[in-house]
């Protein structure tokens, strides 16, 4: 018989009775790293696009190709949205390891807060 363990990040199932292993903590840590790298690369792209016309004499912002403008919009959206997602998984990590009650209904938390943050 094979025992299959599935790690979930949904708050009622991600607490220690539902998910006692350390795998959920590693998933949260990897999501933090992926979010931080996405935020930093988006900031790098935004700074590059806005400072590139300063070093060339006959190049204006409106001469960029549409692809670069689309990537700039995506970078702005990532910078705006990813800190909220990072806050949600940080709160989930605190619920798991530091006995906070952000997402536990029995202790005054709100499970729907996790869904609203995502």
PDB file of N, CA and C in Angstrom:
ATOM      1  N   UNK A   1       0.840  -1.166   0.000  1.00  0.00           N
ATOM      2  CA  UNK A   1       0.000   0.000   0.000  1.00  0.00           C
ATOM      3  C   UNK A   1       0.901   1.251   0.000  1.00  0.00           C
ATOM      4  N   UNK A   2       0.584   2.173  -0.864  1.00  0.00           N
ATOM      5  CA  UNK A   2       1.360   3.392  -1.004  1.00  0.00           C
ATOM      6  C   UNK A   2       0.607   4.524  -0.328  1.00  0.00           C
ATOM      7  N   UNK A   3       1.301   5.240   0.531  1.00  0.00           N
ATOM      8  CA  UNK A   3       0.706   6.377   1.219  1.00  0.00           C
ATOM      9  C   UNK A   3       1.078   7.643   0.462  1.00  0.00           C
ATOM     10  N   UNK A   4       0.074   8.322  -0.027  1.00  0.00           N
ATOM     11  CA  UNK A   4       0.295   9.533  -0.799  1.00  0.00           C
ATOM     12  C   UNK A   4      -0.054  10.742   0.059  1.00  0.00           C
ATOM     13  N   UNK A   5       0.929  11.604   0.284  1.00  0.00           N
ATOM     14  CA  UNK A   5       0.707  12.817   1.062  1.00  0.00           C
ATOM     15  C   UNK A   5       0.634  14.009   0.119  1.00  0.00           C
ATOM     16  N   UNK A   6      -0.427  14.762   0.243  1.00  0.00           N
ATOM     17  CA  UNK A   6      -0.606  15.952  -0.577  1.00  0.00           C
ATOM     18  C   UNK A   6      -0.553  17.162   0.344  1.00  0.00           C
ATOM     19  N   UNK A   7       0.311  18.082   0.027  1.00  0.00           N
ATOM     20  CA  UNK A   7       0.442  19.298   0.822  1.00  0.00           C
ATOM     21  C   UNK A   7      -0.405  20.391   0.200  1.00  0.00           C
ATOM     22  N   UNK A   8      -1.293  20.970   0.980  1.00  0.00           N
ATOM     23  CA  UNK A   8      -2.165  22.039   0.520  1.00  0.00           C
ATOM     24  C   UNK A   8      -1.818  23.329   1.242  1.00  0.00           C
ATOM     25  N   UNK A   9      -2.081  24.429   0.590  1.00  0.00           N
ATOM     26  CA  UNK A   9      -1.866  25.721   1.227  1.00  0.00           C
ATOM     27  C   UNK A   9      -3.175  26.375   1.631  1.00  0.00           C
ATOM     28  N   UNK A  10      -4.270  25.671   1.513  1.00  0.00           N
ATOM     29  CA  UNK A  10      -5.557  26.210   1.935  1.00  0.00           C
ATOM     30  C   UNK A  10      -5.619  26.165   3.455  1.00  0.00           C
ATOM     31  N   UNK A  11      -5.975  27.271   4.128  1.00  0.00           N
ATOM     32  CA  UNK A  11      -5.792  27.384   5.578  1.00  0.00           C
ATOM     33  C   UNK A  11      -6.390  26.294   6.466  1.00  0.00           C
ATOM     34  N   UNK A  12      -7.595  25.817   6.286  1.00  0.00           N
ATOM     35  CA  UNK A  12      -8.024  24.781   7.232  1.00  0.00           C
ATOM     36  C   UNK A  12      -7.206  23.488   7.110  1.00  0.00           C
ATOM     37  N   UNK A  13      -6.704  23.220   5.919  1.00  0.00           N
ATOM     38  CA  UNK A  13      -5.964  21.974   5.699  1.00  0.00           C
ATOM     39  C   UNK A  13      -4.458  22.149   5.824  1.00  0.00           C
ATOM     40  N   UNK A  14      -3.981  23.375   5.950  1.00  0.00           N
ATOM     41  CA  UNK A  14      -2.540  23.588   6.037  1.00  0.00           C
ATOM     42  C   UNK A  14      -2.041  23.702   7.467  1.00  0.00           C
ATOM     43  N   UNK A  15      -2.924  23.621   8.452  1.00  0.00           N
ATOM     44  CA  UNK A  15      -2.476  23.660   9.846  1.00  0.00           C
ATOM     45  C   UNK A  15      -1.906  22.299  10.224  1.00  0.00           C
ATOM     46  N   UNK A  16      -1.383  22.196  11.430  1.00  0.00           N
ATOM     47  CA  UNK A  16      -0.655  20.979  11.794  1.00  0.00           C
ATOM     48  C   UNK A  16      -1.493  19.703  11.899  1.00  0.00           C
ATOM     49  N   UNK A  17      -2.728  19.724  12.297  1.00  0.00           N
ATOM     50  CA  UNK A  17      -3.449  18.442  12.225  1.00  0.00           C
ATOM     51  C   UNK A  17      -3.659  17.966  10.795  1.00  0.00           C
ATOM     52  N   UNK A  18      -3.862  18.895   9.865  1.00  0.00           N
ATOM     53  CA  UNK A  18      -4.097  18.498   8.487  1.00  0.00           C
ATOM     54  C   UNK A  18      -2.831  18.288   7.693  1.00  0.00           C
ATOM     55  N   UNK A  19      -1.765  18.976   8.045  1.00  0.00           N
ATOM     56  CA  UNK A  19      -0.510  18.896   7.310  1.00  0.00           C
ATOM     57  C   UNK A  19       0.655  18.984   8.291  1.00  0.00           C
ATOM     58  N   UNK A  20       1.012  17.886   8.919  1.00  0.00           N
ATOM     59  CA  UNK A  20       2.013  17.955   9.983  1.00  0.00           C
ATOM     60  C   UNK A  20       3.467  18.020   9.508  1.00  0.00           C
ATOM     61  N   UNK A  21       3.725  17.784   8.232  1.00  0.00           N
ATOM     62  CA  UNK A  21       5.124  17.737   7.792  1.00  0.00           C
ATOM     63  C   UNK A  21       5.652  19.138   7.509  1.00  0.00           C
ATOM     64  N   UNK A  22       6.946  19.200   7.277  1.00  0.00           N
ATOM     65  CA  UNK A  22       7.604  20.471   7.022  1.00  0.00           C
ATOM     66  C   UNK A  22       7.518  20.862   5.545  1.00  0.00           C
ATOM     67  N   UNK A  23       6.913  20.006   4.735  1.00  0.00           N
ATOM     68  CA  UNK A  23       6.834  20.273   3.299  1.00  0.00           C
ATOM     69  C   UNK A  23       6.050  21.551   3.002  1.00  0.00           C
ATOM     70  N   UNK A  24       5.002  21.823   3.756  1.00  0.00           N
ATOM     71  CA  UNK A  24       4.238  23.057   3.530  1.00  0.00           C
ATOM     72  C   UNK A  24       5.084  24.291   3.815  1.00  0.00           C
ATOM     73  N   UNK A  25       5.939  24.222   4.813  1.00  0.00           N
ATOM     74  CA  UNK A  25       6.831  25.349   5.093  1.00  0.00           C
ATOM     75  C   UNK A  25       7.813  25.571   3.950  1.00  0.00           C
ATOM     76  N   UNK A  26       8.291  24.495   3.351  1.00  0.00           N
ATOM     77  CA  UNK A  26       9.190  24.635   2.210  1.00  0.00           C
ATOM     78  C   UNK A  26       8.463  25.183   0.986  1.00  0.00           C
ATOM     79  N   UNK A  27       7.202  24.803   0.797  1.00  0.00           N
ATOM     80  CA  UNK A  27       6.414  25.355  -0.305  1.00  0.00           C
ATOM     81  C   UNK A  27       6.225  26.855  -0.103  1.00  0.00           C
ATOM     82  N   UNK A  28       5.909  27.266   1.111  1.00  0.00           N
ATOM     83  CA  UNK A  28       5.731  28.693   1.406  1.00  0.00           C
ATOM     84  C   UNK A  28       7.039  29.449   1.198  1.00  0.00           C
ATOM     85  N   UNK A  29       8.144  28.858   1.620  1.00  0.00           N
ATOM     86  CA  UNK A  29       9.448  29.497   1.433  1.00  0.00           C
ATOM     87  C   UNK A  29       9.782  29.637  -0.050  1.00  0.00           C
ATOM     88  N   UNK A  30       9.491  28.609  -0.836  1.00  0.00           N
ATOM     89  CA  UNK A  30       9.773  28.694  -2.275  1.00  0.00           C
ATOM     90  C   UNK A  30       8.884  29.734  -2.948  1.00  0.00           C
ATOM     91  N   UNK A  31       7.635  29.871  -2.500  1.00  0.00           N
ATOM     92  CA  UNK A  31       6.770  30.914  -3.046  1.00  0.00           C
ATOM     93  C   UNK A  31       7.270  32.311  -2.668  1.00  0.00           C
ATOM     94  N   UNK A  32       7.828  32.449  -1.463  1.00  0.00           N
ATOM     95  CA  UNK A  32       8.432  33.731  -1.083  1.00  0.00           C
ATOM     96  C   UNK A  32       9.614  34.066  -1.998  1.00  0.00           C
ATOM     97  N   UNK A  33      10.458  33.085  -2.261  1.00  0.00           N
ATOM     98  CA  UNK A  33      11.610  33.330  -3.136  1.00  0.00           C
ATOM     99  C   UNK A  33      11.179  33.674  -4.555  1.00  0.00           C
ATOM    100  N   UNK A  34      10.187  32.958  -5.063  1.00  0.00           N
ATOM    101  CA  UNK A  34       9.703  33.239  -6.418  1.00  0.00           C
ATOM    102  C   UNK A  34       9.065  34.624  -6.492  1.00  0.00           C
ATOM    103  N   UNK A  35       8.308  35.010  -5.462  1.00  0.00           N
ATOM    104  CA  UNK A  35       7.698  36.336  -5.445  1.00  0.00           C
ATOM    105  C   UNK A  35       8.723  37.437  -5.344  1.00  0.00           C
ATOM    106  N   UNK A  36       9.716  37.248  -4.494  1.00  0.00           N
ATOM    107  CA  UNK A  36      10.757  38.274  -4.348  1.00  0.00           C
ATOM    108  C   UNK A  36      11.555  38.436  -5.636  1.00  0.00           C
ATOM    109  N   UNK A  37      11.878  37.343  -6.295  1.00  0.00           N
ATOM    110  CA  UNK A  37      12.633  37.452  -7.549  1.00  0.00           C
ATOM    111  C   UNK A  37      11.790  38.095  -8.645  1.00  0.00           C
ATOM    112  N   UNK A  38      10.485  37.821  -8.656  1.00  0.00           N
ATOM    113  CA  UNK A  38       9.615  38.453  -9.657  1.00  0.00           C
ATOM    114  C   UNK A  38       9.488  39.952  -9.408  1.00  0.00           C
ATOM    115  N   UNK A  39       9.370  40.346  -8.150  1.00  0.00           N
ATOM    116  CA  UNK A  39       9.274  41.771  -7.830  1.00  0.00           C
ATOM    117  C   UNK A  39      10.569  42.495  -8.206  1.00  0.00           C
ATOM    118  N   UNK A  40      11.701  41.917  -7.862  1.00  0.00           N
ATOM    119  CA  UNK A  40      12.977  42.564  -8.172  1.00  0.00           C
ATOM    120  C   UNK A  40      13.242  42.627  -9.669  1.00  0.00           C
ATOM    121  N   UNK A  41      12.888  41.584 -10.407  1.00  0.00           N
ATOM    122  CA  UNK A  41      13.093  41.638 -11.860  1.00  0.00           C
ATOM    123  C   UNK A  41      12.137  42.624 -12.516  1.00  0.00           C
ATOM    124  N   UNK A  42      10.931  42.763 -11.978  1.00  0.00           N
ATOM    125  CA  UNK A  42       9.997  43.760 -12.522  1.00  0.00           C
ATOM    126  C   UNK A  42      10.496  45.173 -12.270  1.00  0.00           C
ATOM    127  N   UNK A  43      11.027  45.415 -11.084  1.00  0.00           N
ATOM    128  CA  UNK A  43      11.588  46.737 -10.793  1.00  0.00           C
ATOM    129  C   UNK A  43      12.781  47.017 -11.701  1.00  0.00           C
ATOM    130  N   UNK A  44      13.608  46.019 -11.934  1.00  0.00           N
ATOM    131  CA  UNK A  44      14.751  46.163 -12.832  1.00  0.00           C
ATOM    132  C   UNK A  44      14.290  46.517 -14.241  1.00  0.00           C
ATOM    133  N   UNK A  45      13.256  45.856 -14.725  1.00  0.00           N
ATOM    134  CA  UNK A  45      12.756  46.133 -16.070  1.00  0.00           C
ATOM    135  C   UNK A  45      12.158  47.537 -16.158  1.00  0.00           C
ATOM    136  N   UNK A  46      11.399  47.940 -15.145  1.00  0.00           N
ATOM    137  CA  UNK A  46      10.796  49.276 -15.146  1.00  0.00           C
ATOM    138  C   UNK A  46      11.870  50.357 -15.156  1.00  0.00           C
ATOM    139  N   UNK A  47      12.881  50.192 -14.327  1.00  0.00           N
ATOM    140  CA  UNK A  47      13.965  51.184 -14.273  1.00  0.00           C
ATOM    141  C   UNK A  47      14.721  51.221 -15.589  1.00  0.00           C
ATOM    142  N   UNK A  48      14.949  50.070 -16.193  1.00  0.00           N
ATOM    143  CA  UNK A  48      15.650  50.029 -17.475  1.00  0.00           C
ATOM    144  C   UNK A  48      14.861  50.744 -18.563  1.00  0.00           C
ATOM    145  N   UNK A  49      13.563  50.501 -18.623  1.00  0.00           N
ATOM    146  CA  UNK A  49      12.744  51.123 -19.675  1.00  0.00           C
ATOM    147  C   UNK A  49      12.660  52.629 -19.491  1.00  0.00           C
ATOM    148  N   UNK A  50      12.566  53.098 -18.263  1.00  0.00           N
ATOM    149  CA  UNK A  50      12.429  54.534 -18.057  1.00  0.00           C
ATOM    150  C   UNK A  50      13.749  55.290 -18.139  1.00  0.00           C
ATOM    151  N   UNK A  51      14.872  54.630 -17.898  1.00  0.00           N
ATOM    152  CA  UNK A  51      16.149  55.328 -17.964  1.00  0.00           C
ATOM    153  C   UNK A  51      16.880  55.140 -19.280  1.00  0.00           C
ATOM    154  N   UNK A  52      16.426  54.244 -20.133  1.00  0.00           N
ATOM    155  CA  UNK A  52      17.097  54.033 -21.413  1.00  0.00           C
ATOM    156  C   UNK A  52      17.033  55.258 -22.324  1.00  0.00           C
ATOM    157  N   UNK A  53      15.894  55.981 -22.432  1.00  0.00           N
ATOM    158  CA  UNK A  53      15.892  57.168 -23.303  1.00  0.00           C
ATOM    159  C   UNK A  53      16.779  58.303 -22.811  1.00  0.00           C
ATOM    160  N   UNK A  54      17.194  58.292 -21.566  1.00  0.00           N
ATOM    161  CA  UNK A  54      18.044  59.372 -21.056  1.00  0.00           C
ATOM    162  C   UNK A  54      19.452  59.326 -21.629  1.00  0.00           C
ATOM    163  N   UNK A  55      19.892  58.140 -22.059  1.00  0.00           N
ATOM    164  CA  UNK A  55      21.268  57.985 -22.527  1.00  0.00           C
ATOM    165  C   UNK A  55      21.389  58.052 -24.044  1.00  0.00           C
ATOM    166  N   UNK A  56      20.275  58.155 -24.748  1.00  0.00           N
ATOM    167  CA  UNK A  56      20.318  58.268 -26.198  1.00  0.00           C
ATOM    168  C   UNK A  56      19.681  59.596 -26.596  1.00  0.00           C
ATOM    169  N   UNK A  57      20.239  60.221 -27.605  1.00  0.00           N
ATOM    170  CA  UNK A  57      19.828  61.575 -27.950  1.00  0.00           C
ATOM    171  C   UNK A  57      18.493  61.592 -28.689  1.00  0.00           C
ATOM    172  N   UNK A  58      18.310  60.756 -29.678  1.00  0.00           N
ATOM    173  CA  UNK A  58      17.121  60.819 -30.525  1.00  0.00           C
ATOM    174  C   UNK A  58      16.174  59.651 -30.270  1.00  0.00           C
ATOM    175  N   UNK A  59      15.948  59.306 -29.008  1.00  0.00           N
ATOM    176  CA  UNK A  59      15.071  58.184 -28.693  1.00  0.00           C
ATOM    177  C   UNK A  59      14.065  58.632 -27.646  1.00  0.00           C
ATOM    178  N   UNK A  60      12.807  58.586 -27.999  1.00  0.00           N
ATOM    179  CA  UNK A  60      11.745  58.997 -27.093  1.00  0.00           C
ATOM    180  C   UNK A  60      11.035  57.776 -26.526  1.00  0.00           C
ATOM    181  N   UNK A  61      10.284  58.015 -25.460  1.00  0.00           N
ATOM    182  CA  UNK A  61       9.551  56.919 -24.832  1.00  0.00           C
ATOM    183  C   UNK A  61       8.506  56.333 -25.771  1.00  0.00           C
ATOM    184  N   UNK A  62       7.918  57.159 -26.620  1.00  0.00           N
ATOM    185  CA  UNK A  62       6.851  56.698 -27.513  1.00  0.00           C
ATOM    186  C   UNK A  62       7.380  55.967 -28.735  1.00  0.00           C
ATOM    187  N   UNK A  63       8.667  55.785 -28.837  1.00  0.00           N
ATOM    188  CA  UNK A  63       9.249  55.031 -29.940  1.00  0.00           C
ATOM    189  C   UNK A  63       9.515  53.578 -29.567  1.00  0.00           C
ATOM    190  N   UNK A  64       9.145  53.172 -28.359  1.00  0.00           N
ATOM    191  CA  UNK A  64       9.318  51.777 -27.976  1.00  0.00           C
ATOM    192  C   UNK A  64       8.365  50.889 -28.756  1.00  0.00           C
ATOM    193  N   UNK A  65       8.745  49.664 -29.023  1.00  0.00           N
ATOM    194  CA  UNK A  65       7.811  48.724 -29.647  1.00  0.00           C
ATOM    195  C   UNK A  65       6.674  48.372 -28.679  1.00  0.00           C
ATOM    196  N   UNK A  66       5.586  47.880 -29.237  1.00  0.00           N
ATOM    197  CA  UNK A  66       4.420  47.544 -28.434  1.00  0.00           C
ATOM    198  C   UNK A  66       4.727  46.413 -27.451  1.00  0.00           C
ATOM    199  N   UNK A  67       5.616  45.514 -27.824  1.00  0.00           N
ATOM    200  CA  UNK A  67       5.993  44.416 -26.931  1.00  0.00           C
ATOM    201  C   UNK A  67       6.634  44.942 -25.647  1.00  0.00           C
ATOM    202  N   UNK A  68       7.486  45.938 -25.761  1.00  0.00           N
ATOM    203  CA  UNK A  68       8.145  46.510 -24.581  1.00  0.00           C
ATOM    204  C   UNK A  68       7.119  47.216 -23.699  1.00  0.00           C
ATOM    205  N   UNK A  69       6.168  47.912 -24.305  1.00  0.00           N
ATOM    206  CA  UNK A  69       5.121  48.578 -23.528  1.00  0.00           C
ATOM    207  C   UNK A  69       4.265  47.535 -22.809  1.00  0.00           C
ATOM    208  N   UNK A  70       3.961  46.426 -23.474  1.00  0.00           N
ATOM    209  CA  UNK A  70       3.175  45.364 -22.837  1.00  0.00           C
ATOM    210  C   UNK A  70       3.936  44.751 -21.666  1.00  0.00           C
ATOM    211  N   UNK A  71       5.220  44.545 -21.830  1.00  0.00           N
ATOM    212  CA  UNK A  71       6.021  44.013 -20.727  1.00  0.00           C
ATOM    213  C   UNK A  71       6.114  45.014 -19.575  1.00  0.00           C
ATOM    214  N   UNK A  72       6.120  46.278 -19.889  1.00  0.00           N
ATOM    215  CA  UNK A  72       6.135  47.312 -18.861  1.00  0.00           C
ATOM    216  C   UNK A  72       4.838  47.296 -18.060  1.00  0.00           C
ATOM    217  N   UNK A  73       3.716  47.098 -18.736  1.00  0.00           N
ATOM    218  CA  UNK A  73       2.429  47.011 -18.046  1.00  0.00           C
ATOM    219  C   UNK A  73       2.402  45.781 -17.142  1.00  0.00           C
ATOM    220  N   UNK A  74       2.901  44.662 -17.627  1.00  0.00           N
ATOM    221  CA  UNK A  74       2.954  43.445 -16.817  1.00  0.00           C
ATOM    222  C   UNK A  74       3.853  43.646 -15.603  1.00  0.00           C
ATOM    223  N   UNK A  75       4.957  44.343 -15.783  1.00  0.00           N
ATOM    224  CA  UNK A  75       5.863  44.611 -14.660  1.00  0.00           C
ATOM    225  C   UNK A  75       5.193  45.472 -13.600  1.00  0.00           C
ATOM    226  N   UNK A  76       4.449  46.485 -14.020  1.00  0.00           N
ATOM    227  CA  UNK A  76       3.708  47.305 -13.059  1.00  0.00           C
ATOM    228  C   UNK A  76       2.675  46.462 -12.307  1.00  0.00           C
ATOM    229  N   UNK A  77       1.970  45.599 -13.024  1.00  0.00           N
ATOM    230  CA  UNK A  77       0.973  44.756 -12.372  1.00  0.00           C
ATOM    231  C   UNK A  77       1.614  43.796 -11.372  1.00  0.00           C
ATOM    232  N   UNK A  78       2.782  43.267 -11.699  1.00  0.00           N
ATOM    233  CA  UNK A  78       3.481  42.382 -10.765  1.00  0.00           C
ATOM    234  C   UNK A  78       3.939  43.127  -9.519  1.00  0.00           C
ATOM    235  N   UNK A  79       4.450  44.334  -9.699  1.00  0.00           N
ATOM    236  CA  UNK A  79       4.900  45.117  -8.544  1.00  0.00           C
ATOM    237  C   UNK A  79       3.726  45.478  -7.638  1.00  0.00           C
ATOM    238  N   UNK A  80       2.550  45.677  -8.227  1.00  0.00           N
ATOM    239  CA  UNK A  80       1.374  46.025  -7.426  1.00  0.00           C
ATOM    240  C   UNK A  80       0.780  44.800  -6.731  1.00  0.00           C
ATOM    241  N   UNK A  81       0.720  43.650  -7.408  1.00  0.00           N
ATOM    242  CA  UNK A  81      -0.036  42.511  -6.877  1.00  0.00           C
ATOM    243  C   UNK A  81       0.782  41.547  -6.024  1.00  0.00           C
ATOM    244  N   UNK A  82       2.037  41.344  -6.316  1.00  0.00           N
ATOM    245  CA  UNK A  82       2.797  40.317  -5.599  1.00  0.00           C
ATOM    246  C   UNK A  82       3.041  40.602  -4.119  1.00  0.00           C
ATOM    247  N   UNK A  83       3.188  41.849  -3.673  1.00  0.00           N
ATOM    248  CA  UNK A  83       3.317  42.042  -2.222  1.00  0.00           C
ATOM    249  C   UNK A  83       2.085  41.597  -1.429  1.00  0.00           C
ATOM    250  N   UNK A  84       0.905  41.704  -2.018  1.00  0.00           N
ATOM    251  CA  UNK A  84      -0.303  41.228  -1.331  1.00  0.00           C
ATOM    252  C   UNK A  84      -0.275  39.707  -1.206  1.00  0.00           C
ATOM    253  N   UNK A  85       0.147  39.024  -2.252  1.00  0.00           N
ATOM    254  CA  UNK A  85       0.256  37.562  -2.185  1.00  0.00           C
ATOM    255  C   UNK A  85       1.337  37.136  -1.195  1.00  0.00           C
ATOM    256  N   UNK A  86       2.422  37.879  -1.152  1.00  0.00           N
ATOM    257  CA  UNK A  86       3.480  37.568  -0.186  1.00  0.00           C
ATOM    258  C   UNK A  86       2.984  37.773   1.240  1.00  0.00           C
ATOM    259  N   UNK A  87       2.162  38.784   1.463  1.00  0.00           N
ATOM    260  CA  UNK A  87       1.592  39.000   2.797  1.00  0.00           C
ATOM    261  C   UNK A  87       0.674  37.845   3.184  1.00  0.00           C
ATOM    262  N   UNK A  88      -0.100  37.334   2.228  1.00  0.00           N
ATOM    263  CA  UNK A  88      -1.008  36.222   2.526  1.00  0.00           C
ATOM    264  C   UNK A  88      -0.243  34.959   2.906  1.00  0.00           C
ATOM    265  N   UNK A  89       0.807  34.635   2.180  1.00  0.00           N
ATOM    266  CA  UNK A  89       1.532  33.415   2.530  1.00  0.00           C
ATOM    267  C   UNK A  89       2.397  33.629   3.772  1.00  0.00           C
ATOM    268  N   UNK A  90       2.787  34.873   4.056  1.00  0.00           N
ATOM    269  CA  UNK A  90       3.485  35.141   5.317  1.00  0.00           C
ATOM    270  C   UNK A  90       2.547  34.943   6.498  1.00  0.00           C
ATOM    271  N   UNK A  91       1.304  35.401   6.355  1.00  0.00           N
ATOM    272  CA  UNK A  91       0.324  35.174   7.418  1.00  0.00           C
ATOM    273  C   UNK A  91       0.058  33.679   7.599  1.00  0.00           C
ATOM    274  N   UNK A  92       0.031  32.933   6.508  1.00  0.00           N
ATOM    275  CA  UNK A  92      -0.145  31.483   6.603  1.00  0.00           C
ATOM    276  C   UNK A  92       1.048  30.829   7.302  1.00  0.00           C
ATOM    277  N   UNK A  93       2.238  31.297   7.012  1.00  0.00           N
ATOM    278  CA  UNK A  93       3.429  30.786   7.684  1.00  0.00           C
ATOM    279  C   UNK A  93       3.403  31.100   9.168  1.00  0.00           C
ATOM    280  N   UNK A  94       2.955  32.286   9.536  1.00  0.00           N
ATOM    281  CA  UNK A  94       2.836  32.634  10.948  1.00  0.00           C
ATOM    282  C   UNK A  94       1.782  31.787  11.640  1.00  0.00           C
ATOM    283  N   UNK A  95       0.682  31.487  10.944  1.00  0.00           N
ATOM    284  CA  UNK A  95      -0.328  30.596  11.526  1.00  0.00           C
ATOM    285  C   UNK A  95       0.246  29.211  11.791  1.00  0.00           C
ATOM    286  N   UNK A  96       1.075  28.745  10.900  1.00  0.00           N
ATOM    287  CA  UNK A  96       1.638  27.399  11.061  1.00  0.00           C
ATOM    288  C   UNK A  96       2.697  27.326  12.161  1.00  0.00           C
ATOM    289  N   UNK A  97       3.553  28.335  12.248  1.00  0.00           N
ATOM    290  CA  UNK A  97       4.734  28.202  13.098  1.00  0.00           C
ATOM    291  C   UNK A  97       4.718  29.041  14.368  1.00  0.00           C
ATOM    292  N   UNK A  98       3.974  30.124  14.396  1.00  0.00           N
ATOM    293  CA  UNK A  98       4.033  31.030  15.537  1.00  0.00           C
ATOM    294  C   UNK A  98       2.708  31.169  16.279  1.00  0.00           C
ATOM    295  N   UNK A  99       1.768  30.287  15.997  1.00  0.00           N
ATOM    296  CA  UNK A  99       0.474  30.218  16.696  1.00  0.00           C
ATOM    297  C   UNK A  99      -0.311  31.523  16.640  1.00  0.00           C
ATOM    298  N   UNK A 100      -0.313  32.158  15.486  1.00  0.00           N
ATOM    299  CA  UNK A 100      -1.204  33.301  15.299  1.00  0.00           C
ATOM    300  C   UNK A 100      -2.549  32.779  14.807  1.00  0.00           C
ATOM    301  N   UNK A 101      -3.535  33.652  14.727  1.00  0.00           N
ATOM    302  CA  UNK A 101      -4.889  33.204  14.420  1.00  0.00           C
ATOM    303  C   UNK A 101      -5.489  34.005  13.270  1.00  0.00           C
ATOM    304  N   UNK A 102      -4.758  34.173  12.198  1.00  0.00           N
ATOM    305  CA  UNK A 102      -5.290  34.912  11.058  1.00  0.00           C
ATOM    306  C   UNK A 102      -6.391  34.135  10.346  1.00  0.00           C
ATOM    307  N   UNK A 103      -6.228  32.827  10.216  1.00  0.00           N
ATOM    308  CA  UNK A 103      -7.123  32.034   9.386  1.00  0.00           C
ATOM    309  C   UNK A 103      -7.834  30.922  10.153  1.00  0.00           C
ATOM    310  N   UNK A 104      -7.863  30.966  11.467  1.00  0.00           N
ATOM    311  CA  UNK A 104      -8.505  29.915  12.262  1.00  0.00           C
ATOM    312  C   UNK A 104      -9.828  30.434  12.815  1.00  0.00           C
ATOM    313  N   UNK A 105     -10.928  29.879  12.320  1.00  0.00           N
ATOM    314  CA  UNK A 105     -12.255  30.353  12.727  1.00  0.00           C
ATOM    315  C   UNK A 105     -12.519  30.128  14.208  1.00  0.00           C
ATOM    316  N   UNK A 106     -12.049  29.033  14.753  1.00  0.00           N
ATOM    317  CA  UNK A 106     -12.337  28.700  16.138  1.00  0.00           C
ATOM    318  C   UNK A 106     -11.708  29.700  17.103  1.00  0.00           C
ATOM    319  N   UNK A 107     -10.657  30.363  16.680  1.00  0.00           N
ATOM    320  CA  UNK A 107      -9.926  31.256  17.574  1.00  0.00           C
ATOM    321  C   UNK A 107     -10.069  32.731  17.189  1.00  0.00           C
ATOM    322  N   UNK A 108     -11.046  33.053  16.339  1.00  0.00           N
ATOM    323  CA  UNK A 108     -11.304  34.441  16.002  1.00  0.00           C
ATOM    324  C   UNK A 108     -10.749  34.903  14.671  1.00  0.00           C
ATOM    325  N   UNK A 109     -10.190  33.996  13.897  1.00  0.00           N
ATOM    326  CA  UNK A 109      -9.657  34.376  12.594  1.00  0.00           C
ATOM    327  C   UNK A 109     -10.720  34.287  11.512  1.00  0.00           C
ATOM    328  N   UNK A 110     -10.311  34.473  10.292  1.00  0.00           N
ATOM    329  CA  UNK A 110     -11.237  34.465   9.166  1.00  0.00           C
ATOM    330  C   UNK A 110     -10.608  33.682   8.020  1.00  0.00           C
ATOM    331  N   UNK A 111     -11.219  32.537   7.685  1.00  0.00           N
ATOM    332  CA  UNK A 111     -10.703  31.719   6.595  1.00  0.00           C
ATOM    333  C   UNK A 111     -10.917  32.416   5.254  1.00  0.00           C
ATOM    334  N   UNK A 112     -11.971  33.176   5.129  1.00  0.00           N
ATOM    335  CA  UNK A 112     -12.232  33.875   3.873  1.00  0.00           C
ATOM    336  C   UNK A 112     -11.215  34.974   3.577  1.00  0.00           C
ATOM    337  N   UNK A 113     -10.507  35.429   4.602  1.00  0.00           N
ATOM    338  CA  UNK A 113      -9.465  36.428   4.385  1.00  0.00           C
ATOM    339  C   UNK A 113      -8.404  35.885   3.434  1.00  0.00           C
ATOM    340  N   UNK A 114      -8.052  34.617   3.561  1.00  0.00           N
ATOM    341  CA  UNK A 114      -7.062  34.003   2.664  1.00  0.00           C
ATOM    342  C   UNK A 114      -7.562  34.018   1.231  1.00  0.00           C
ATOM    343  N   UNK A 115      -8.835  33.696   1.043  1.00  0.00           N
ATOM    344  CA  UNK A 115      -9.392  33.706  -0.311  1.00  0.00           C
ATOM    345  C   UNK A 115      -9.481  35.110  -0.870  1.00  0.00           C
ATOM    346  N   UNK A 116      -9.770  36.072  -0.026  1.00  0.00           N
ATOM    347  CA  UNK A 116      -9.849  37.452  -0.501  1.00  0.00           C
ATOM    348  C   UNK A 116      -8.472  38.012  -0.849  1.00  0.00           C
ATOM    349  N   UNK A 117      -7.455  37.573  -0.133  1.00  0.00           N
ATOM    350  CA  UNK A 117      -6.114  38.043  -0.441  1.00  0.00           C
ATOM    351  C   UNK A 117      -5.593  37.442  -1.739  1.00  0.00           C
ATOM    352  N   UNK A 118      -6.059  36.249  -2.081  1.00  0.00           N
ATOM    353  CA  UNK A 118      -5.679  35.647  -3.350  1.00  0.00           C
ATOM    354  C   UNK A 118      -6.716  35.955  -4.398  1.00  0.00           C
TER     355      UNK A 118
END
